[in-house]
Amino acid sequence: MTTHNKAYKFRLYPTEQQAHLIRKTFGCVRFVYNKMLAERKEVYEKHKGNKEELRKQKFPTPAKYKEGFEWLKEVDSLALANAQLNLQTAYKISFVVKMTSQRSKVKRIENLIQRIGSTEILCC
């Protein structure tokens, strides 16, 4: 017995309000990612010689940035949380690439790649 799968292709056109929310969300995610990256680089430069101290460091979550930047509260918190996860994944991949040989690199990187979930955008 064979199974036949059907596929449908859709193209979505967001309203102006939805497009504005999408642009705002991408901008906020980019801002949080860059802020977190800058803090990680700063901590690394400060504790470069002491690996034990580097391991003990706790980095702020995206919720901590909402206190200083009120406009981050306007976008979906899961999108900001994904920025943190993407940064952590990027660091893991960069260290794995440095530590592995060329052959085993691909398999290990495939295990670290994260699937990003989608968020519904509803118009009011």
PDB file of N, CA and C in Angstrom:
ATOM      1  N   MET A   1       0.845  -1.173   0.000  1.00  0.00           N
ATOM      2  CA  MET A   1       0.000   0.000   0.000  1.00  0.00           C
ATOM      3  C   MET A   1       0.896   1.244   0.000  1.00  0.00           C
ATOM      4  N   THR A   2       0.580   2.155  -0.849  1.00  0.00           N
ATOM      5  CA  THR A   2       1.368   3.385  -0.926  1.00  0.00           C
ATOM      6  C   THR A   2       0.552   4.552  -0.389  1.00  0.00           C
ATOM      7  N   THR A   3       1.248   5.496   0.139  1.00  0.00           N
ATOM      8  CA  THR A   3       0.574   6.699   0.626  1.00  0.00           C
ATOM      9  C   THR A   3       0.935   7.869  -0.269  1.00  0.00           C
ATOM     10  N   HIS A   4      -0.013   8.710  -0.473  1.00  0.00           N
ATOM     11  CA  HIS A   4       0.195   9.902  -1.285  1.00  0.00           C
ATOM     12  C   HIS A   4       0.028  11.125  -0.393  1.00  0.00           C
ATOM     13  N   ASN A   5       1.012  11.959  -0.412  1.00  0.00           N
ATOM     14  CA  ASN A   5       0.956  13.178   0.380  1.00  0.00           C
ATOM     15  C   ASN A   5       0.581  14.357  -0.511  1.00  0.00           C
ATOM     16  N   LYS A   6      -0.223  15.236   0.032  1.00  0.00           N
ATOM     17  CA  LYS A   6      -0.593  16.449  -0.684  1.00  0.00           C
ATOM     18  C   LYS A   6       0.110  17.630  -0.029  1.00  0.00           C
ATOM     19  N   ALA A   7       0.402  18.603  -0.829  1.00  0.00           N
ATOM     20  CA  ALA A   7       1.030  19.810  -0.301  1.00  0.00           C
ATOM     21  C   ALA A   7       0.316  21.025  -0.872  1.00  0.00           C
ATOM     22  N   TYR A   8       0.202  22.032  -0.059  1.00  0.00           N
ATOM     23  CA  TYR A   8      -0.394  23.285  -0.487  1.00  0.00           C
ATOM     24  C   TYR A   8       0.620  24.396  -0.272  1.00  0.00           C
ATOM     25  N   LYS A   9       0.639  25.315  -1.178  1.00  0.00           N
ATOM     26  CA  LYS A   9       1.556  26.437  -1.083  1.00  0.00           C
ATOM     27  C   LYS A   9       0.729  27.701  -0.864  1.00  0.00           C
ATOM     28  N   PHE A  10       1.100  28.476   0.158  1.00  0.00           N
ATOM     29  CA  PHE A  10       0.370  29.692   0.474  1.00  0.00           C
ATOM     30  C   PHE A  10       1.307  30.881   0.458  1.00  0.00           C
ATOM     31  N   ARG A  11       0.783  32.006   0.115  1.00  0.00           N
ATOM     32  CA  ARG A  11       1.514  33.266   0.232  1.00  0.00           C
ATOM     33  C   ARG A  11       0.642  34.173   1.080  1.00  0.00           C
ATOM     34  N   LEU A  12       1.202  34.683   2.163  1.00  0.00           N
ATOM     35  CA  LEU A  12       0.454  35.543   3.073  1.00  0.00           C
ATOM     36  C   LEU A  12       0.862  36.993   2.866  1.00  0.00           C
ATOM     37  N   TYR A  13      -0.111  37.846   2.845  1.00  0.00           N
ATOM     38  CA  TYR A  13       0.135  39.278   2.732  1.00  0.00           C
ATOM     39  C   TYR A  13      -0.358  39.932   4.023  1.00  0.00           C
ATOM     40  N   PRO A  14       0.564  40.346   4.882  1.00  0.00           N
ATOM     41  CA  PRO A  14       0.127  40.959   6.144  1.00  0.00           C
ATOM     42  C   PRO A  14      -0.475  42.346   5.903  1.00  0.00           C
ATOM     43  N   THR A  15      -1.366  42.714   6.797  1.00  0.00           N
ATOM     44  CA  THR A  15      -1.907  44.067   6.742  1.00  0.00           C
ATOM     45  C   THR A  15      -0.811  45.039   7.157  1.00  0.00           C
ATOM     46  N   GLU A  16      -1.068  46.315   7.006  1.00  0.00           N
ATOM     47  CA  GLU A  16      -0.064  47.321   7.376  1.00  0.00           C
ATOM     48  C   GLU A  16       0.266  47.245   8.869  1.00  0.00           C
ATOM     49  N   GLN A  17      -0.749  46.995   9.674  1.00  0.00           N
ATOM     50  CA  GLN A  17      -0.554  46.880  11.122  1.00  0.00           C
ATOM     51  C   GLN A  17       0.308  45.649  11.458  1.00  0.00           C
ATOM     52  N   GLN A  18       0.031  44.540  10.814  1.00  0.00           N
ATOM     53  CA  GLN A  18       0.812  43.325  11.040  1.00  0.00           C
ATOM     54  C   GLN A  18       2.243  43.489  10.541  1.00  0.00           C
ATOM     55  N   ALA A  19       2.417  44.140   9.391  1.00  0.00           N
ATOM     56  CA  ALA A  19       3.764  44.369   8.856  1.00  0.00           C
ATOM     57  C   ALA A  19       4.567  45.251   9.804  1.00  0.00           C
ATOM     58  N   HIS A  20       3.910  46.236  10.400  1.00  0.00           N
ATOM     59  CA  HIS A  20       4.590  47.109  11.365  1.00  0.00           C
ATOM     60  C   HIS A  20       5.042  46.301  12.590  1.00  0.00           C
ATOM     61  N   LEU A  21       4.168  45.414  13.072  1.00  0.00           N
ATOM     62  CA  LEU A  21       4.514  44.574  14.220  1.00  0.00           C
ATOM     63  C   LEU A  21       5.668  43.625  13.888  1.00  0.00           C
ATOM     64  N   ILE A  22       5.681  43.091  12.688  1.00  0.00           N
ATOM     65  CA  ILE A  22       6.768  42.198  12.269  1.00  0.00           C
ATOM     66  C   ILE A  22       8.089  42.957  12.235  1.00  0.00           C
ATOM     67  N   ARG A  23       8.081  44.158  11.635  1.00  0.00           N
ATOM     68  CA  ARG A  23       9.311  44.964  11.575  1.00  0.00           C
ATOM     69  C   ARG A  23       9.792  45.341  12.967  1.00  0.00           C
ATOM     70  N   LYS A  24       8.857  45.702  13.845  1.00  0.00           N
ATOM     71  CA  LYS A  24       9.211  46.078  15.214  1.00  0.00           C
ATOM     72  C   LYS A  24       9.807  44.884  15.962  1.00  0.00           C
ATOM     73  N   THR A  25       9.213  43.708  15.767  1.00  0.00           N
ATOM     74  CA  THR A  25       9.702  42.500  16.439  1.00  0.00           C
ATOM     75  C   THR A  25      11.113  42.155  15.979  1.00  0.00           C
ATOM     76  N   PHE A  26      11.357  42.192  14.664  1.00  0.00           N
ATOM     77  CA  PHE A  26      12.701  41.895  14.165  1.00  0.00           C
ATOM     78  C   PHE A  26      13.720  42.906  14.677  1.00  0.00           C
ATOM     79  N   GLY A  27      13.334  44.158  14.756  1.00  0.00           N
ATOM     80  CA  GLY A  27      14.242  45.183  15.265  1.00  0.00           C
ATOM     81  C   GLY A  27      14.585  44.961  16.727  1.00  0.00           C
ATOM     82  N   CYS A  28      13.585  44.617  17.532  1.00  0.00           N
ATOM     83  CA  CYS A  28      13.820  44.369  18.955  1.00  0.00           C
ATOM     84  C   CYS A  28      14.669  43.119  19.166  1.00  0.00           C
ATOM     85  N   VAL A  29      14.414  42.081  18.379  1.00  0.00           N
ATOM     86  CA  VAL A  29      15.209  40.854  18.489  1.00  0.00           C
ATOM     87  C   VAL A  29      16.667  41.148  18.139  1.00  0.00           C
ATOM     88  N   ARG A  30      16.878  41.916  17.091  1.00  0.00           N
ATOM     89  CA  ARG A  30      18.241  42.283  16.687  1.00  0.00           C
ATOM     90  C   ARG A  30      18.924  43.095  17.792  1.00  0.00           C
ATOM     91  N   PHE A  31      18.183  44.026  18.401  1.00  0.00           N
ATOM     92  CA  PHE A  31      18.730  44.850  19.477  1.00  0.00           C
ATOM     93  C   PHE A  31      19.150  43.993  20.670  1.00  0.00           C
ATOM     94  N   VAL A  32      18.265  43.091  21.108  1.00  0.00           N
ATOM     95  CA  VAL A  32      18.562  42.236  22.264  1.00  0.00           C
ATOM     96  C   VAL A  32      19.737  41.316  21.961  1.00  0.00           C
ATOM     97  N   TYR A  33      19.774  40.733  20.781  1.00  0.00           N
ATOM     98  CA  TYR A  33      20.874  39.849  20.390  1.00  0.00           C
ATOM     99  C   TYR A  33      22.205  40.602  20.445  1.00  0.00           C
ATOM    100  N   ASN A  34      22.235  41.804  19.883  1.00  0.00           N
ATOM    101  CA  ASN A  34      23.477  42.586  19.871  1.00  0.00           C
ATOM    102  C   ASN A  34      23.890  43.021  21.269  1.00  0.00           C
ATOM    103  N   LYS A  35      22.925  43.374  22.127  1.00  0.00           N
ATOM    104  CA  LYS A  35      23.241  43.751  23.510  1.00  0.00           C
ATOM    105  C   LYS A  35      23.837  42.566  24.263  1.00  0.00           C
ATOM    106  N   MET A  36      23.223  41.407  24.110  1.00  0.00           N
ATOM    107  CA  MET A  36      23.716  40.220  24.803  1.00  0.00           C
ATOM    108  C   MET A  36      25.092  39.819  24.284  1.00  0.00           C
ATOM    109  N   LEU A  37      25.304  39.941  22.993  1.00  0.00           N
ATOM    110  CA  LEU A  37      26.600  39.629  22.404  1.00  0.00           C
ATOM    111  C   LEU A  37      27.671  40.579  22.929  1.00  0.00           C
ATOM    112  N   ALA A  38      27.347  41.861  23.031  1.00  0.00           N
ATOM    113  CA  ALA A  38      28.303  42.842  23.545  1.00  0.00           C
ATOM    114  C   ALA A  38      28.665  42.546  24.996  1.00  0.00           C
ATOM    115  N   GLU A  39      27.672  42.155  25.800  1.00  0.00           N
ATOM    116  CA  GLU A  39      27.953  41.818  27.200  1.00  0.00           C
ATOM    117  C   GLU A  39      28.819  40.569  27.307  1.00  0.00           C
ATOM    118  N   ARG A  40      28.561  39.577  26.479  1.00  0.00           N
ATOM    119  CA  ARG A  40      29.392  38.366  26.505  1.00  0.00           C
ATOM    120  C   ARG A  40      30.831  38.676  26.114  1.00  0.00           C
ATOM    121  N   LYS A  41      30.997  39.513  25.099  1.00  0.00           N
ATOM    122  CA  LYS A  41      32.350  39.888  24.683  1.00  0.00           C
ATOM    123  C   LYS A  41      33.066  40.651  25.788  1.00  0.00           C
ATOM    124  N   GLU A  42      32.338  41.534  26.461  1.00  0.00           N
ATOM    125  CA  GLU A  42      32.919  42.322  27.548  1.00  0.00           C
ATOM    126  C   GLU A  42      33.368  41.421  28.695  1.00  0.00           C
ATOM    127  N   VAL A  43      32.524  40.468  29.073  1.00  0.00           N
ATOM    128  CA  VAL A  43      32.868  39.534  30.150  1.00  0.00           C
ATOM    129  C   VAL A  43      34.055  38.672  29.733  1.00  0.00           C
ATOM    130  N   TYR A  44      34.084  38.251  28.482  1.00  0.00           N
ATOM    131  CA  TYR A  44      35.194  37.423  27.998  1.00  0.00           C
ATOM    132  C   TYR A  44      36.509  38.195  28.057  1.00  0.00           C
ATOM    133  N   GLU A  45      36.485  39.451  27.633  1.00  0.00           N
ATOM    134  CA  GLU A  45      37.709  40.260  27.675  1.00  0.00           C
ATOM    135  C   GLU A  45      38.166  40.492  29.109  1.00  0.00           C
ATOM    136  N   LYS A  46      37.215  40.634  30.017  1.00  0.00           N
ATOM    137  CA  LYS A  46      37.542  40.889  31.423  1.00  0.00           C
ATOM    138  C   LYS A  46      38.162  39.656  32.092  1.00  0.00           C
ATOM    139  N   HIS A  47      37.628  38.477  31.796  1.00  0.00           N
ATOM    140  CA  HIS A  47      38.071  37.238  32.451  1.00  0.00           C
ATOM    141  C   HIS A  47      38.743  36.289  31.465  1.00  0.00           C
ATOM    142  N   LYS A  48      39.430  36.804  30.491  1.00  0.00           N
ATOM    143  CA  LYS A  48      40.013  35.978  29.434  1.00  0.00           C
ATOM    144  C   LYS A  48      40.969  34.912  29.970  1.00  0.00           C
ATOM    145  N   GLY A  49      41.769  35.252  30.951  1.00  0.00           N
ATOM    146  CA  GLY A  49      42.761  34.316  31.458  1.00  0.00           C
ATOM    147  C   GLY A  49      42.208  33.297  32.434  1.00  0.00           C
ATOM    148  N   ASN A  50      41.088  33.578  33.073  1.00  0.00           N
ATOM    149  CA  ASN A  50      40.544  32.724  34.121  1.00  0.00           C
ATOM    150  C   ASN A  50      39.310  31.970  33.603  1.00  0.00           C
ATOM    151  N   LYS A  51      39.504  30.741  33.148  1.00  0.00           N
ATOM    152  CA  LYS A  51      38.402  29.970  32.577  1.00  0.00           C
ATOM    153  C   LYS A  51      37.359  29.604  33.625  1.00  0.00           C
ATOM    154  N   GLU A  52      37.794  29.393  34.848  1.00  0.00           N
ATOM    155  CA  GLU A  52      36.855  29.044  35.914  1.00  0.00           C
ATOM    156  C   GLU A  52      35.895  30.201  36.191  1.00  0.00           C
ATOM    157  N   GLU A  53      36.419  31.401  36.181  1.00  0.00           N
ATOM    158  CA  GLU A  53      35.583  32.587  36.401  1.00  0.00           C
ATOM    159  C   GLU A  53      34.617  32.799  35.230  1.00  0.00           C
ATOM    160  N   LEU A  54      35.059  32.477  34.034  1.00  0.00           N
ATOM    161  CA  LEU A  54      34.179  32.591  32.863  1.00  0.00           C
ATOM    162  C   LEU A  54      32.990  31.642  32.967  1.00  0.00           C
ATOM    163  N   ARG A  55      33.217  30.443  33.474  1.00  0.00           N
ATOM    164  CA  ARG A  55      32.131  29.463  33.607  1.00  0.00           C
ATOM    165  C   ARG A  55      31.096  29.887  34.642  1.00  0.00           C
ATOM    166  N   LYS A  56      31.534  30.638  35.657  1.00  0.00           N
ATOM    167  CA  LYS A  56      30.638  31.051  36.735  1.00  0.00           C
ATOM    168  C   LYS A  56      29.737  32.219  36.350  1.00  0.00           C
ATOM    169  N   GLN A  57      30.049  32.900  35.286  1.00  0.00           N
ATOM    170  CA  GLN A  57      29.311  34.103  34.909  1.00  0.00           C
ATOM    171  C   GLN A  57      27.861  33.779  34.559  1.00  0.00           C
ATOM    172  N   LYS A  58      26.961  34.596  35.064  1.00  0.00           N
ATOM    173  CA  LYS A  58      25.540  34.496  34.727  1.00  0.00           C
ATOM    174  C   LYS A  58      25.190  35.686  33.848  1.00  0.00           C
ATOM    175  N   PHE A  59      24.598  35.410  32.716  1.00  0.00           N
ATOM    176  CA  PHE A  59      24.246  36.466  31.779  1.00  0.00           C
ATOM    177  C   PHE A  59      22.773  36.825  31.931  1.00  0.00           C
ATOM    178  N   PRO A  60      22.425  38.087  31.741  1.00  0.00           N
ATOM    179  CA  PRO A  60      21.025  38.499  31.909  1.00  0.00           C
ATOM    180  C   PRO A  60      20.120  37.914  30.830  1.00  0.00           C
ATOM    181  N   THR A  61      18.876  37.755  31.203  1.00  0.00           N
ATOM    182  CA  THR A  61      17.866  37.268  30.268  1.00  0.00           C
ATOM    183  C   THR A  61      17.246  38.463  29.542  1.00  0.00           C
ATOM    184  N   PRO A  62      16.510  38.218  28.475  1.00  0.00           N
ATOM    185  CA  PRO A  62      15.859  39.338  27.784  1.00  0.00           C
ATOM    186  C   PRO A  62      14.894  40.114  28.678  1.00  0.00           C
ATOM    187  N   ALA A  63      14.343  39.472  29.702  1.00  0.00           N
ATOM    188  CA  ALA A  63      13.433  40.173  30.615  1.00  0.00           C
ATOM    189  C   ALA A  63      14.154  41.289  31.369  1.00  0.00           C
ATOM    190  N   LYS A  64      15.437  41.122  31.631  1.00  0.00           N
ATOM    191  CA  LYS A  64      16.207  42.157  32.330  1.00  0.00           C
ATOM    192  C   LYS A  64      16.352  43.412  31.480  1.00  0.00           C
ATOM    193  N   TYR A  65      16.375  43.253  30.172  1.00  0.00           N
ATOM    194  CA  TYR A  65      16.512  44.408  29.288  1.00  0.00           C
ATOM    195  C   TYR A  65      15.221  45.212  29.213  1.00  0.00           C
ATOM    196  N   LYS A  66      14.100  44.585  29.521  1.00  0.00           N
ATOM    197  CA  LYS A  66      12.820  45.290  29.469  1.00  0.00           C
ATOM    198  C   LYS A  66      12.730  46.378  30.529  1.00  0.00           C
ATOM    199  N   GLU A  67      13.481  46.231  31.623  1.00  0.00           N
ATOM    200  CA  GLU A  67      13.470  47.249  32.671  1.00  0.00           C
ATOM    201  C   GLU A  67      14.090  48.549  32.175  1.00  0.00           C
ATOM    202  N   GLY A  68      15.152  48.452  31.404  1.00  0.00           N
ATOM    203  CA  GLY A  68      15.838  49.636  30.921  1.00  0.00           C
ATOM    204  C   GLY A  68      15.279  50.180  29.623  1.00  0.00           C
ATOM    205  N   PHE A  69      14.660  49.323  28.852  1.00  0.00           N
ATOM    206  CA  PHE A  69      14.133  49.715  27.544  1.00  0.00           C
ATOM    207  C   PHE A  69      12.655  49.330  27.493  1.00  0.00           C
ATOM    208  N   GLU A  70      11.797  50.269  27.810  1.00  0.00           N
ATOM    209  CA  GLU A  70      10.358  50.009  27.920  1.00  0.00           C
ATOM    210  C   GLU A  70       9.736  49.527  26.609  1.00  0.00           C
ATOM    211  N   TRP A  71      10.277  49.958  25.485  1.00  0.00           N
ATOM    212  CA  TRP A  71       9.700  49.601  24.192  1.00  0.00           C
ATOM    213  C   TRP A  71       9.867  48.126  23.868  1.00  0.00           C
ATOM    214  N   LEU A  72      10.704  47.403  24.614  1.00  0.00           N
ATOM    215  CA  LEU A  72      10.835  45.958  24.393  1.00  0.00           C
ATOM    216  C   LEU A  72       9.604  45.196  24.888  1.00  0.00           C
ATOM    217  N   LYS A  73       8.802  45.844  25.734  1.00  0.00           N
ATOM    218  CA  LYS A  73       7.590  45.197  26.245  1.00  0.00           C
ATOM    219  C   LYS A  73       6.489  45.108  25.190  1.00  0.00           C
ATOM    220  N   GLU A  74       6.645  45.852  24.096  1.00  0.00           N
ATOM    221  CA  GLU A  74       5.612  45.887  23.064  1.00  0.00           C
ATOM    222  C   GLU A  74       5.635  44.659  22.151  1.00  0.00           C
ATOM    223  N   VAL A  75       6.726  43.910  22.158  1.00  0.00           N
ATOM    224  CA  VAL A  75       6.838  42.763  21.251  1.00  0.00           C
ATOM    225  C   VAL A  75       6.717  41.461  22.033  1.00  0.00           C
ATOM    226  N   ASP A  76       6.587  40.373  21.307  1.00  0.00           N
ATOM    227  CA  ASP A  76       6.411  39.052  21.892  1.00  0.00           C
ATOM    228  C   ASP A  76       7.659  38.633  22.665  1.00  0.00           C
ATOM    229  N   SER A  77       7.467  38.171  23.891  1.00  0.00           N
ATOM    230  CA  SER A  77       8.603  37.783  24.727  1.00  0.00           C
ATOM    231  C   SER A  77       9.282  36.513  24.210  1.00  0.00           C
ATOM    232  N   LEU A  78       8.540  35.655  23.518  1.00  0.00           N
ATOM    233  CA  LEU A  78       9.150  34.435  22.977  1.00  0.00           C
ATOM    234  C   LEU A  78      10.140  34.750  21.862  1.00  0.00           C
ATOM    235  N   ALA A  79       9.876  35.798  21.112  1.00  0.00           N
ATOM    236  CA  ALA A  79      10.817  36.200  20.069  1.00  0.00           C
ATOM    237  C   ALA A  79      12.124  36.665  20.701  1.00  0.00           C
ATOM    238  N   LEU A  80      12.024  37.396  21.810  1.00  0.00           N
ATOM    239  CA  LEU A  80      13.230  37.854  22.507  1.00  0.00           C
ATOM    240  C   LEU A  80      13.959  36.678  23.157  1.00  0.00           C
ATOM    241  N   ALA A  81      13.201  35.720  23.676  1.00  0.00           N
ATOM    242  CA  ALA A  81      13.824  34.533  24.270  1.00  0.00           C
ATOM    243  C   ALA A  81      14.554  33.721  23.202  1.00  0.00           C
ATOM    244  N   ASN A  82      14.000  33.675  21.988  1.00  0.00           N
ATOM    245  CA  ASN A  82      14.681  32.972  20.900  1.00  0.00           C
ATOM    246  C   ASN A  82      15.989  33.650  20.532  1.00  0.00           C
ATOM    247  N   ALA A  83      16.071  34.961  20.708  1.00  0.00           N
ATOM    248  CA  ALA A  83      17.332  35.662  20.451  1.00  0.00           C
ATOM    249  C   ALA A  83      18.411  35.149  21.398  1.00  0.00           C
ATOM    250  N   GLN A  84      18.033  34.934  22.659  1.00  0.00           N
ATOM    251  CA  GLN A  84      18.984  34.401  23.631  1.00  0.00           C
ATOM    252  C   GLN A  84      19.388  32.976  23.259  1.00  0.00           C
ATOM    253  N   LEU A  85      18.429  32.152  22.880  1.00  0.00           N
ATOM    254  CA  LEU A  85      18.737  30.770  22.491  1.00  0.00           C
ATOM    255  C   LEU A  85      19.615  30.725  21.248  1.00  0.00           C
ATOM    256  N   ASN A  86      19.342  31.607  20.295  1.00  0.00           N
ATOM    257  CA  ASN A  86      20.151  31.648  19.079  1.00  0.00           C
ATOM    258  C   ASN A  86      21.582  32.059  19.382  1.00  0.00           C
ATOM    259  N   LEU A  87      21.762  32.983  20.317  1.00  0.00           N
ATOM    260  CA  LEU A  87      23.111  33.396  20.702  1.00  0.00           C
ATOM    261  C   LEU A  87      23.852  32.245  21.381  1.00  0.00           C
ATOM    262  N   GLN A  88      23.173  31.536  22.273  1.00  0.00           N
ATOM    263  CA  GLN A  88      23.797  30.393  22.934  1.00  0.00           C
ATOM    264  C   GLN A  88      24.160  29.312  21.920  1.00  0.00           C
ATOM    265  N   THR A  89      23.287  29.065  20.962  1.00  0.00           N
ATOM    266  CA  THR A  89      23.566  28.074  19.926  1.00  0.00           C
ATOM    267  C   THR A  89      24.758  28.492  19.084  1.00  0.00           C
ATOM    268  N   ALA A  90      24.836  29.773  18.760  1.00  0.00           N
ATOM    269  CA  ALA A  90      25.966  30.275  17.971  1.00  0.00           C
ATOM    270  C   ALA A  90      27.276  30.076  18.720  1.00  0.00           C
ATOM    271  N   TYR A  91      27.269  30.314  20.033  1.00  0.00           N
ATOM    272  CA  TYR A  91      28.480  30.093  20.823  1.00  0.00           C
ATOM    273  C   TYR A  91      28.849  28.617  20.868  1.00  0.00           C
ATOM    274  N   LYS A  92      27.866  27.753  21.067  1.00  0.00           N
ATOM    275  CA  LYS A  92      28.146  26.313  21.096  1.00  0.00           C
ATOM    276  C   LYS A  92      28.744  25.852  19.775  1.00  0.00           C
ATOM    277  N   ILE A  93      28.144  26.286  18.678  1.00  0.00           N
ATOM    278  CA  ILE A  93      28.634  25.882  17.363  1.00  0.00           C
ATOM    279  C   ILE A  93      30.044  26.396  17.133  1.00  0.00           C
ATOM    280  N   SER A  94      30.319  27.636  17.531  1.00  0.00           N
ATOM    281  CA  SER A  94      31.654  28.186  17.293  1.00  0.00           C
ATOM    282  C   SER A  94      32.714  27.429  18.088  1.00  0.00           C
ATOM    283  N   PHE A  95      32.375  27.005  19.314  1.00  0.00           N
ATOM    284  CA  PHE A  95      33.348  26.245  20.090  1.00  0.00           C
ATOM    285  C   PHE A  95      33.505  24.824  19.558  1.00  0.00           C
ATOM    286  N   VAL A  96      32.427  24.221  19.080  1.00  0.00           N
ATOM    287  CA  VAL A  96      32.513  22.876  18.506  1.00  0.00           C
ATOM    288  C   VAL A  96      33.358  22.910  17.243  1.00  0.00           C
ATOM    289  N   VAL A  97      33.172  23.928  16.422  1.00  0.00           N
ATOM    290  CA  VAL A  97      33.944  24.041  15.185  1.00  0.00           C
ATOM    291  C   VAL A  97      35.426  24.178  15.499  1.00  0.00           C
ATOM    292  N   LYS A  98      35.765  24.923  16.539  1.00  0.00           N
ATOM    293  CA  LYS A  98      37.168  25.095  16.911  1.00  0.00           C
ATOM    294  C   LYS A  98      37.782  23.795  17.422  1.00  0.00           C
ATOM    295  N   MET A  99      36.959  22.960  18.077  1.00  0.00           N
ATOM    296  CA  MET A  99      37.498  21.791  18.763  1.00  0.00           C
ATOM    297  C   MET A  99      37.420  20.499  17.956  1.00  0.00           C
ATOM    298  N   THR A 100      36.718  20.479  16.840  1.00  0.00           N
ATOM    299  CA  THR A 100      36.537  19.222  16.120  1.00  0.00           C
ATOM    300  C   THR A 100      37.325  19.204  14.825  1.00  0.00           C
ATOM    301  N   SER A 101      37.487  18.005  14.325  1.00  0.00           N
ATOM    302  CA  SER A 101      38.132  17.871  13.024  1.00  0.00           C
ATOM    303  C   SER A 101      37.111  18.150  11.929  1.00  0.00           C
ATOM    304  N   GLN A 102      37.566  18.229  10.718  1.00  0.00           N
ATOM    305  CA  GLN A 102      36.690  18.571   9.601  1.00  0.00           C
ATOM    306  C   GLN A 102      35.614  17.512   9.375  1.00  0.00           C
ATOM    307  N   ARG A 103      35.914  16.248   9.570  1.00  0.00           N
ATOM    308  CA  ARG A 103      34.969  15.177   9.288  1.00  0.00           C
ATOM    309  C   ARG A 103      33.802  15.130  10.265  1.00  0.00           C
ATOM    310  N   SER A 104      34.095  15.236  11.533  1.00  0.00           N
ATOM    311  CA  SER A 104      33.033  15.097  12.526  1.00  0.00           C
ATOM    312  C   SER A 104      32.295  16.401  12.761  1.00  0.00           C
ATOM    313  N   LYS A 105      32.753  17.475  12.149  1.00  0.00           N
ATOM    314  CA  LYS A 105      32.141  18.776  12.375  1.00  0.00           C
ATOM    315  C   LYS A 105      30.672  18.802  11.955  1.00  0.00           C
ATOM    316  N   VAL A 106      30.375  18.261  10.803  1.00  0.00           N
ATOM    317  CA  VAL A 106      29.029  18.360  10.252  1.00  0.00           C
ATOM    318  C   VAL A 106      28.017  17.668  11.150  1.00  0.00           C
ATOM    319  N   LYS A 107      28.314  16.473  11.626  1.00  0.00           N
ATOM    320  CA  LYS A 107      27.369  15.739  12.456  1.00  0.00           C
ATOM    321  C   LYS A 107      27.106  16.467  13.765  1.00  0.00           C
ATOM    322  N   ARG A 108      28.139  17.019  14.371  1.00  0.00           N
ATOM    323  CA  ARG A 108      27.939  17.704  15.641  1.00  0.00           C
ATOM    324  C   ARG A 108      27.171  19.004  15.463  1.00  0.00           C
ATOM    325  N   ILE A 109      27.434  19.709  14.389  1.00  0.00           N
ATOM    326  CA  ILE A 109      26.715  20.956  14.146  1.00  0.00           C
ATOM    327  C   ILE A 109      25.243  20.672  13.886  1.00  0.00           C
ATOM    328  N   GLU A 110      24.947  19.608  13.160  1.00  0.00           N
ATOM    329  CA  GLU A 110      23.553  19.262  12.894  1.00  0.00           C
ATOM    330  C   GLU A 110      22.798  18.985  14.187  1.00  0.00           C
ATOM    331  N   ASN A 111      23.467  18.431  15.184  1.00  0.00           N
ATOM    332  CA  ASN A 111      22.814  18.155  16.457  1.00  0.00           C
ATOM    333  C   ASN A 111      22.542  19.422  17.251  1.00  0.00           C
ATOM    334  N   LEU A 112      23.288  20.487  16.988  1.00  0.00           N
ATOM    335  CA  LEU A 112      23.130  21.706  17.763  1.00  0.00           C
ATOM    336  C   LEU A 112      22.149  22.702  17.157  1.00  0.00           C
ATOM    337  N   ILE A 113      21.795  22.489  15.910  1.00  0.00           N
ATOM    338  CA  ILE A 113      20.941  23.477  15.252  1.00  0.00           C
ATOM    339  C   ILE A 113      19.543  23.445  15.849  1.00  0.00           C
ATOM    340  N   GLN A 114      19.021  24.632  16.092  1.00  0.00           N
ATOM    341  CA  GLN A 114      17.733  24.772  16.751  1.00  0.00           C
ATOM    342  C   GLN A 114      16.659  25.104  15.721  1.00  0.00           C
ATOM    343  N   ARG A 115      15.524  24.509  15.898  1.00  0.00           N
ATOM    344  CA  ARG A 115      14.390  24.862  15.051  1.00  0.00           C
ATOM    345  C   ARG A 115      13.636  25.994  15.732  1.00  0.00           C
ATOM    346  N   ILE A 116      13.438  27.029  14.992  1.00  0.00           N
ATOM    347  CA  ILE A 116      12.763  28.195  15.552  1.00  0.00           C
ATOM    348  C   ILE A 116      11.269  28.043  15.331  1.00  0.00           C
ATOM    349  N   GLY A 117      10.515  28.130  16.427  1.00  0.00           N
ATOM    350  CA  GLY A 117       9.065  28.032  16.331  1.00  0.00           C
ATOM    351  C   GLY A 117       8.469  29.308  15.778  1.00  0.00           C
ATOM    352  N   SER A 118       7.273  29.188  15.300  1.00  0.00           N
ATOM    353  CA  SER A 118       6.622  30.373  14.741  1.00  0.00           C
ATOM    354  C   SER A 118       5.645  30.943  15.756  1.00  0.00           C
ATOM    355  N   THR A 119       5.427  32.214  15.652  1.00  0.00           N
ATOM    356  CA  THR A 119       4.516  32.909  16.540  1.00  0.00           C
ATOM    357  C   THR A 119       3.358  33.442  15.713  1.00  0.00           C
ATOM    358  N   GLU A 120       2.159  33.254  16.193  1.00  0.00           N
ATOM    359  CA  GLU A 120       1.002  33.771  15.478  1.00  0.00           C
ATOM    360  C   GLU A 120       0.949  35.280  15.618  1.00  0.00           C
ATOM    361  N   ILE A 121       0.616  35.950  14.553  1.00  0.00           N
ATOM    362  CA  ILE A 121       0.444  37.396  14.581  1.00  0.00           C
ATOM    363  C   ILE A 121      -1.022  37.664  14.293  1.00  0.00           C
ATOM    364  N   LEU A 122      -1.697  38.170  15.282  1.00  0.00           N
ATOM    365  CA  LEU A 122      -3.122  38.416  15.137  1.00  0.00           C
ATOM    366  C   LEU A 122      -3.378  39.909  15.021  1.00  0.00           C
ATOM    367  N   CYS A 123      -4.284  40.246  14.173  1.00  0.00           N
ATOM    368  CA  CYS A 123      -4.660  41.655  14.006  1.00  0.00           C
ATOM    369  C   CYS A 123      -5.830  41.961  14.929  1.00  0.00           C
ATOM    370  N   CYS A 124      -5.776  43.085  15.577  1.00  0.00           N
ATOM    371  CA  CYS A 124      -6.857  43.477  16.502  1.00  0.00           C
ATOM    372  C   CYS A 124      -8.034  44.048  15.758  1.00  0.00           C
TER     373      CYS A 124
END
